[in-house]
Amino acid sequence: MFPVINFGSLSLPAPELILLLGFWLGSVLTERKSKHFKVNSNLVEKVLWTCLLAGLIGARLSFISRYPSAFQENLLSVFSLNPNLLDPAGGLLISAAVGFIYISQKRISLWVFLDSLTPFFAVMAIALSFSNFAAGTGFGTSTTLPWGISLWGELRHPVQIYHLAGGLVALYITSYRIQTSEHQPGFTFVLFVSLTSCFRLFFSGFQETASLVGDGIRLPQLTYWTILAISLFLLNKHNRPLQMEKPDESQE
């Protein structure tokens, strides 16, 4: 893999750089697509950067609350740029909470706004897969297939590339094939969640994991099954034509 990218004498961590590039590309695409959802592009940009800042601060605060002893010897390390001192789950939760509060104050439909952010989510899903590939994390099980990659002393399934390919398909369908004006608000976002969970459910069968529940049941697959079931239920609800929601003017 390539955990570090060298620019002359400067060495940059490839996984983090890929995620930052994905954030920028996702935000650009989202701003361009926002007009299809009738959402102000400036508002989308503000929400994305506000959530990013809140997520980073929240991830550090969450890490401090979980591992306070890591900062006892050097309190200034609280401001360290080391990504290992961040709690991704805590940061994501706080970021989502801040974003929800922000758009609630603007009185924007949550489903409409989630639709407008779908291109961003799709690009970030691709960037995350590529970042894992660069770092060598989320690797696959052993294989004898010709496209296997050598990692940790064995030839393995390039699961990160499988996820990346699935992410590209989800991005293409949700951002370039769906006519948003023909569906209920929320349809585009729920479709993205359904496609992503479906792809990851299938490809996670080739992923090395120690997270097992019961008799050999993989925890990631159980999680994706749950998300897929919920998203398919919501997809059926949001797939109704908009005309069904319009009042019958002849009766007025």
Protein backbone atom coordinates (compact mmCIF):
# COMPACT_ATOMS: atom_id res chain seq x y z
CA MET A 1 0.00 0.00 0.00
CA PHE A 2 1.09 3.64 0.10
CA PRO A 3 0.57 5.12 3.59
CA VAL A 4 2.77 8.13 2.78
CA ILE A 5 2.96 10.42 -0.25
CA ASN A 6 6.30 12.16 -0.73
CA PHE A 7 6.58 15.63 -2.26
CA GLY A 8 10.32 16.20 -2.33
CA SER A 9 11.40 16.43 1.30
CA LEU A 10 7.78 16.68 2.46
CA SER A 11 5.96 13.50 3.51
CA LEU A 12 2.18 13.56 3.86
CA PRO A 13 -0.07 10.79 5.23
CA ALA A 14 -1.89 9.38 2.20
CA PRO A 15 -5.11 8.19 3.94
CA GLU A 16 -5.80 11.57 5.55
CA LEU A 17 -4.88 13.40 2.34
CA ILE A 18 -7.31 11.22 0.35
CA LEU A 19 -10.11 11.97 2.80
CA LEU A 20 -9.46 15.72 2.58
CA LEU A 21 -9.46 15.51 -1.22
CA GLY A 22 -12.70 13.55 -1.07
CA PHE A 23 -14.25 16.19 1.18
CA TRP A 24 -13.32 18.93 -1.28
CA LEU A 25 -14.52 17.03 -4.37
CA GLY A 26 -17.71 16.01 -2.58
CA SER A 27 -18.46 19.58 -1.52
CA VAL A 28 -17.86 20.89 -5.05
CA LEU A 29 -20.15 18.28 -6.62
CA THR A 30 -22.80 18.88 -3.95
CA GLU A 31 -22.81 22.62 -4.58
CA ARG A 32 -23.25 22.03 -8.32
CA LYS A 33 -26.09 19.56 -7.77
CA SER A 34 -27.86 21.57 -5.08
CA LYS A 35 -29.97 23.46 -7.62
CA HIS A 36 -31.70 20.20 -8.59
CA PHE A 37 -32.99 19.97 -5.02
CA LYS A 38 -33.79 23.68 -4.80
CA VAL A 39 -31.34 24.17 -1.95
CA ASN A 40 -29.08 27.22 -1.70
CA SER A 41 -25.52 26.18 -2.57
CA ASN A 42 -24.06 28.67 -0.07
CA LEU A 43 -26.09 27.07 2.70
CA VAL A 44 -24.81 23.63 1.72
CA GLU A 45 -21.23 24.87 1.85
CA LYS A 46 -21.73 26.45 5.29
CA VAL A 47 -23.29 23.28 6.69
CA LEU A 48 -20.51 21.06 5.35
CA TRP A 49 -17.69 23.17 6.78
CA THR A 50 -19.54 23.73 10.06
CA CYS A 51 -20.07 19.98 10.43
CA LEU A 52 -16.42 19.30 9.54
CA LEU A 53 -15.19 21.68 12.24
CA ALA A 54 -17.69 20.37 14.78
CA GLY A 55 -16.74 16.80 13.90
CA LEU A 56 -13.01 17.38 14.41
CA ILE A 57 -13.53 19.17 17.72
CA GLY A 58 -16.06 16.58 18.81
CA ALA A 59 -13.76 13.69 17.86
CA ARG A 60 -10.97 15.16 20.00
CA LEU A 61 -13.29 15.88 22.96
CA SER A 62 -14.74 12.38 22.71
CA PHE A 63 -11.22 10.88 22.70
CA ILE A 64 -10.26 12.98 25.74
CA SER A 65 -13.34 11.84 27.63
CA ARG A 66 -12.57 8.19 26.86
CA TYR A 67 -8.80 8.29 27.40
CA PRO A 68 -7.98 11.23 29.71
CA SER A 69 -4.74 9.58 30.82
CA ALA A 70 -3.30 10.06 27.32
CA PHE A 71 -3.02 13.82 27.98
CA GLN A 72 -1.97 13.89 31.62
CA GLU A 73 1.76 14.15 30.97
CA ASN A 74 1.41 16.81 28.27
CA LEU A 75 -1.76 18.91 28.30
CA LEU A 76 -0.73 20.71 25.11
CA SER A 77 -1.13 17.44 23.22
CA VAL A 78 -4.85 18.20 23.31
CA PHE A 79 -4.12 20.45 20.32
CA SER A 80 -2.01 17.83 18.53
CA LEU A 81 -2.68 17.20 14.82
CA ASN A 82 -2.19 13.48 15.36
CA PRO A 83 -5.29 11.77 13.83
CA ASN A 84 -4.80 8.82 16.20
CA LEU A 85 -6.00 11.09 19.02
CA LEU A 86 -9.47 11.37 17.47
CA ASP A 87 -12.57 9.30 18.13
CA PRO A 88 -14.31 8.95 14.71
CA ALA A 89 -17.60 7.66 16.12
CA GLY A 90 -17.89 10.49 18.62
CA GLY A 91 -16.93 13.08 16.03
CA LEU A 92 -19.48 11.73 13.54
CA LEU A 93 -22.24 11.81 16.15
CA ILE A 94 -21.50 15.39 17.18
CA SER A 95 -21.14 16.48 13.55
CA ALA A 96 -24.56 15.01 12.70
CA ALA A 97 -26.13 16.68 15.75
CA VAL A 98 -24.69 20.09 14.84
CA GLY A 99 -25.85 19.70 11.23
CA PHE A 100 -29.37 18.75 12.33
CA ILE A 101 -29.63 21.75 14.67
CA TYR A 102 -28.27 24.08 11.98
CA ILE A 103 -30.77 23.10 9.28
CA SER A 104 -33.62 23.00 11.81
CA GLN A 105 -32.96 26.64 12.59
CA LYS A 106 -33.12 27.39 8.85
CA ARG A 107 -36.47 25.55 8.68
CA ILE A 108 -35.40 23.31 5.80
CA SER A 109 -36.93 19.90 5.26
CA LEU A 110 -34.51 17.29 6.60
CA TRP A 111 -35.27 14.88 3.74
CA VAL A 112 -34.70 17.55 1.10
CA PHE A 113 -31.40 18.52 2.67
CA LEU A 114 -30.26 14.89 2.94
CA ASP A 115 -31.07 14.51 -0.76
CA SER A 116 -28.91 17.53 -1.56
CA LEU A 117 -26.02 16.07 0.48
CA THR A 118 -26.18 12.67 -1.22
CA PRO A 119 -23.44 13.49 -3.77
CA PHE A 120 -21.17 14.45 -0.87
CA PHE A 121 -21.90 11.22 1.00
CA ALA A 122 -21.30 9.21 -2.17
CA VAL A 123 -17.92 10.82 -2.87
CA MET A 124 -16.84 10.43 0.77
CA ALA A 125 -17.76 6.73 0.67
CA ILE A 126 -15.44 6.34 -2.33
CA ALA A 127 -12.70 8.36 -0.63
CA LEU A 128 -12.99 6.24 2.52
CA SER A 129 -12.55 3.04 0.51
CA PHE A 130 -9.50 4.45 -1.27
CA SER A 131 -8.12 5.73 2.03
CA ASN A 132 -8.42 2.23 3.51
CA PHE A 133 -6.63 0.84 0.47
CA ALA A 134 -3.79 3.33 0.92
CA ALA A 135 -3.49 2.49 4.63
CA GLY A 136 -3.85 -1.26 4.12
CA THR A 137 -6.81 -1.42 6.52
CA GLY A 138 -10.11 -3.20 5.96
CA PHE A 139 -8.25 -5.87 3.99
CA GLY A 140 -9.79 -9.00 2.52
CA THR A 141 -9.51 -12.71 3.12
CA SER A 142 -6.96 -14.95 1.43
CA THR A 143 -7.57 -15.75 -2.23
CA THR A 144 -5.97 -17.45 -5.22
CA LEU A 145 -7.69 -15.18 -7.75
CA PRO A 146 -5.35 -13.40 -10.20
CA TRP A 147 -6.40 -9.92 -9.04
CA GLY A 148 -5.51 -10.59 -5.40
CA ILE A 149 -3.08 -8.18 -3.74
CA SER A 150 -0.15 -9.12 -1.55
CA LEU A 151 -0.78 -7.82 1.96
CA TRP A 152 0.40 -8.94 5.39
CA GLY A 153 2.23 -11.91 3.89
CA GLU A 154 -0.72 -13.32 1.91
CA LEU A 155 -2.54 -12.83 -1.38
CA ARG A 156 -5.85 -11.21 -0.43
CA HIS A 157 -9.09 -9.94 -1.93
CA PRO A 158 -8.80 -6.19 -2.66
CA VAL A 159 -12.01 -5.52 -0.72
CA GLN A 160 -11.26 -1.82 -0.54
CA ILE A 161 -11.32 -1.69 -4.36
CA TYR A 162 -14.57 -3.70 -4.38
CA HIS A 163 -16.10 -1.09 -2.08
CA LEU A 164 -14.69 1.70 -4.22
CA ALA A 165 -16.28 0.22 -7.35
CA GLY A 166 -19.61 -0.14 -5.58
CA GLY A 167 -19.32 3.46 -4.43
CA LEU A 168 -18.78 4.64 -8.00
CA VAL A 169 -21.93 2.82 -9.11
CA ALA A 170 -23.93 4.36 -6.25
CA LEU A 171 -22.59 7.83 -7.11
CA TYR A 172 -23.47 7.42 -10.79
CA ILE A 173 -27.02 6.20 -10.11
CA THR A 174 -27.94 8.73 -7.43
CA SER A 175 -26.24 11.78 -8.96
CA TYR A 176 -26.65 11.26 -12.71
CA ARG A 177 -29.46 8.77 -13.39
CA ILE A 178 -32.23 9.69 -10.95
CA GLN A 179 -34.73 12.42 -11.85
CA THR A 180 -35.20 13.97 -8.42
CA SER A 181 -38.28 15.92 -9.46
CA GLU A 182 -40.21 12.67 -10.01
CA HIS A 183 -39.82 11.34 -6.46
CA GLN A 184 -40.70 12.23 -2.91
CA PRO A 185 -38.13 14.16 -0.83
CA GLY A 186 -35.70 11.69 0.71
CA PHE A 187 -35.81 9.19 -2.16
CA THR A 188 -32.31 10.00 -3.46
CA PHE A 189 -30.69 9.75 -0.04
CA VAL A 190 -32.49 6.53 0.92
CA LEU A 191 -31.61 5.01 -2.47
CA PHE A 192 -27.94 5.82 -1.82
CA VAL A 193 -28.11 4.17 1.61
CA SER A 194 -29.82 1.11 0.10
CA LEU A 195 -27.24 0.74 -2.68
CA THR A 196 -24.29 1.30 -0.36
CA SER A 197 -25.49 -1.14 2.29
CA CYS A 198 -26.28 -3.72 -0.42
CA PHE A 199 -22.79 -3.48 -1.96
CA ARG A 200 -21.07 -3.55 1.40
CA LEU A 201 -23.21 -6.44 2.59
CA PHE A 202 -22.07 -8.52 -0.37
CA PHE A 203 -18.40 -7.49 -0.39
CA SER A 204 -18.00 -7.78 3.38
CA GLY A 205 -18.18 -11.53 2.84
CA PHE A 206 -14.67 -11.25 1.39
CA GLN A 207 -13.37 -9.06 4.20
CA GLU A 208 -11.18 -10.29 7.03
CA THR A 209 -12.87 -9.63 10.36
CA ALA A 210 -12.72 -10.85 13.93
CA SER A 211 -16.16 -9.39 14.73
CA LEU A 212 -18.35 -12.48 14.93
CA VAL A 213 -21.76 -12.88 16.57
CA GLY A 214 -23.07 -16.29 17.50
CA ASP A 215 -22.24 -19.16 15.18
CA GLY A 216 -19.91 -17.47 12.70
CA ILE A 217 -22.22 -14.53 11.87
CA ARG A 218 -20.21 -11.49 10.85
CA LEU A 219 -21.11 -8.34 12.78
CA PRO A 220 -20.55 -6.02 9.76
CA GLN A 221 -22.92 -8.13 7.63
CA LEU A 222 -25.54 -8.13 10.39
CA THR A 223 -25.24 -4.34 10.55
CA TYR A 224 -25.56 -3.96 6.77
CA TRP A 225 -28.56 -6.31 6.73
CA THR A 226 -30.30 -4.12 9.30
CA ILE A 227 -29.52 -0.89 7.45
CA LEU A 228 -30.61 -2.42 4.13
CA ALA A 229 -33.92 -3.62 5.56
CA ILE A 230 -34.73 -0.20 7.04
CA SER A 231 -33.64 1.67 3.92
CA LEU A 232 -35.73 -0.58 1.63
CA PHE A 233 -38.78 0.08 3.81
CA LEU A 234 -38.17 3.83 3.58
CA LEU A 235 -37.40 3.57 -0.14
CA ASN A 236 -40.82 2.09 -0.80
CA LYS A 237 -42.37 4.93 1.18
CA HIS A 238 -40.45 7.68 -0.64
CA ASN A 239 -40.86 6.15 -4.11
CA ARG A 240 -44.41 7.41 -4.52
CA PRO A 241 -44.88 9.91 -7.37
CA LEU A 242 -45.16 13.52 -6.29
CA GLN A 243 -48.50 13.83 -8.06
CA MET A 244 -50.05 11.65 -5.36
CA GLU A 245 -49.26 14.30 -2.77
CA LYS A 246 -50.92 17.17 -4.65
CA PRO A 247 -54.45 18.15 -3.62
CA ASP A 248 -57.29 17.70 -6.10
CA GLU A 249 -57.91 21.25 -7.27
CA SER A 250 -61.26 20.29 -8.85
CA GLN A 251 -62.70 19.77 -5.38
CA GLU A 252 -61.74 23.21 -4.10
